[in-house]
């Protein structure tokens, strides 16, 4: 049985901003991509990691990751982390609670 550990990315949202111009061609066809990185074990999300914003121009194809601007921060705040990225934590907490409750129940029965 193979267990795969790693960090994966999930595209959260795409925003088209017509008020910002491209750094390369000065056209107003900029698209922001909000991406959430998360840790996973065998395809099961464990914990979300950092979130970043990528920017690309639809006109010239120029793009960059980890954009730091006021618009990027605003779009990151609008893009909430999905609840299912905490699945691994929920499984671990559920397992520990099960064993604790089982131990308490076994101690009461004796």
Protein backbone atom coordinates (compact mmCIF):
# COMPACT_ATOMS: atom_id res chain seq x y z
CA UNK A 1 0.00 0.00 0.00
CA UNK A 2 1.42 3.36 -1.05
CA UNK A 3 0.81 6.50 0.95
CA UNK A 4 1.42 9.75 -0.89
CA UNK A 5 2.21 12.86 1.17
CA UNK A 6 2.42 16.25 -0.43
CA UNK A 7 1.27 19.77 -1.02
CA UNK A 8 -1.36 20.44 -3.67
CA UNK A 9 -3.10 23.52 -5.05
CA UNK A 10 -6.79 24.30 -5.49
CA UNK A 11 -8.07 27.15 -7.67
CA UNK A 12 -10.59 29.05 -5.55
CA UNK A 13 -11.75 31.93 -7.75
CA UNK A 14 -11.01 33.87 -10.90
CA UNK A 15 -11.64 37.62 -11.00
CA UNK A 16 -11.45 39.80 -14.11
CA UNK A 17 -10.39 43.35 -13.24
CA UNK A 18 -10.93 46.00 -15.91
CA UNK A 19 -9.65 48.86 -13.76
CA UNK A 20 -6.05 47.63 -13.51
CA UNK A 21 -3.69 47.77 -16.48
CA UNK A 22 -1.11 45.13 -17.40
CA UNK A 23 2.50 45.87 -16.45
CA UNK A 24 3.68 44.67 -19.86
CA UNK A 25 1.23 46.03 -22.46
CA UNK A 26 -0.88 48.53 -20.42
CA UNK A 27 -4.16 46.96 -21.59
CA UNK A 28 -7.00 46.59 -19.08
CA UNK A 29 -7.55 42.86 -19.57
CA UNK A 30 -6.12 41.56 -16.29
CA UNK A 31 -7.35 38.36 -14.64
CA UNK A 32 -6.58 37.42 -11.02
CA UNK A 33 -6.46 33.76 -9.91
CA UNK A 34 -6.82 32.98 -6.20
CA UNK A 35 -5.07 29.69 -5.35
CA UNK A 36 -5.09 27.82 -2.02
CA UNK A 37 -2.28 25.40 -1.25
CA UNK A 38 -3.01 22.51 1.10
CA UNK A 39 -1.37 19.42 2.52
CA UNK A 40 -2.79 16.04 1.55
CA UNK A 41 -2.23 12.37 2.32
CA UNK A 42 -3.25 9.95 -0.45
CA UNK A 43 -5.63 12.51 -1.93
CA UNK A 44 -7.32 13.40 1.38
CA UNK A 45 -6.87 17.07 2.29
CA UNK A 46 -5.35 17.47 5.76
CA UNK A 47 -4.74 21.19 6.34
CA UNK A 48 -4.84 24.31 4.20
CA UNK A 49 -1.56 26.14 3.79
CA UNK A 50 -0.89 29.54 2.25
CA UNK A 51 -3.13 31.31 -0.20
CA UNK A 52 -1.71 33.37 -3.07
CA UNK A 53 -2.88 35.47 -5.99
CA UNK A 54 -1.68 35.02 -9.55
CA UNK A 55 -2.22 37.62 -12.26
CA UNK A 56 -2.32 37.21 -16.04
CA UNK A 57 -3.05 39.46 -18.98
CA UNK A 58 -5.54 38.18 -21.53
CA UNK A 59 -4.07 40.41 -24.23
CA UNK A 60 -0.31 39.70 -24.18
CA UNK A 61 -0.15 36.59 -21.99
CA UNK A 62 2.06 38.19 -19.34
CA UNK A 63 1.58 36.66 -15.91
CA UNK A 64 3.03 36.47 -12.45
CA UNK A 65 2.39 34.57 -9.23
CA UNK A 66 2.35 35.92 -5.69
CA UNK A 67 0.99 39.32 -6.66
CA UNK A 68 1.10 41.75 -3.75
CA UNK A 69 -1.30 44.64 -4.28
CA UNK A 70 -4.39 46.05 -2.63
CA UNK A 71 -6.62 44.42 -5.27
CA UNK A 72 -4.95 41.05 -4.75
CA UNK A 73 -5.46 41.29 -0.98
CA UNK A 74 -9.11 42.22 -1.48
CA UNK A 75 -9.70 39.27 -3.81
CA UNK A 76 -7.95 36.91 -1.37
CA UNK A 77 -10.27 38.06 1.42
CA UNK A 78 -13.31 37.46 -0.81
CA UNK A 79 -12.12 33.89 -1.56
CA UNK A 80 -12.78 31.84 1.55
CA UNK A 81 -10.97 28.56 2.23
CA UNK A 82 -13.35 25.63 1.53
CA UNK A 83 -14.38 23.63 4.59
CA UNK A 84 -13.45 20.30 2.99
CA UNK A 85 -9.75 21.20 3.13
CA UNK A 86 -10.02 20.43 6.87
CA UNK A 87 -11.19 16.82 6.25
CA UNK A 88 -8.02 15.21 7.62
CA UNK A 89 -8.18 17.24 10.82
CA UNK A 90 -11.83 16.27 11.30
CA UNK A 91 -10.98 12.58 10.82
CA UNK A 92 -8.14 12.78 13.36
CA UNK A 93 -10.25 14.63 15.94
CA UNK A 94 -13.13 12.20 15.40
CA UNK A 95 -10.82 9.22 15.91
CA UNK A 96 -9.36 10.65 19.13
CA UNK A 97 -12.82 11.50 20.47
CA UNK A 98 -14.01 7.98 19.69
CA UNK A 99 -11.14 6.42 21.64
CA UNK A 100 -11.54 8.81 24.57
CA UNK A 101 -15.28 8.16 24.80
CA UNK A 102 -14.69 4.42 24.44
CA UNK A 103 -12.08 4.50 27.26
CA UNK A 104 -14.42 6.47 29.54
CA UNK A 105 -17.30 4.11 28.77
CA UNK A 106 -15.09 1.07 29.44
CA UNK A 107 -13.96 2.59 32.77
CA UNK A 108 -17.57 3.23 33.83
CA UNK A 109 -18.69 -0.31 32.97
CA UNK A 110 -15.96 -1.93 35.12
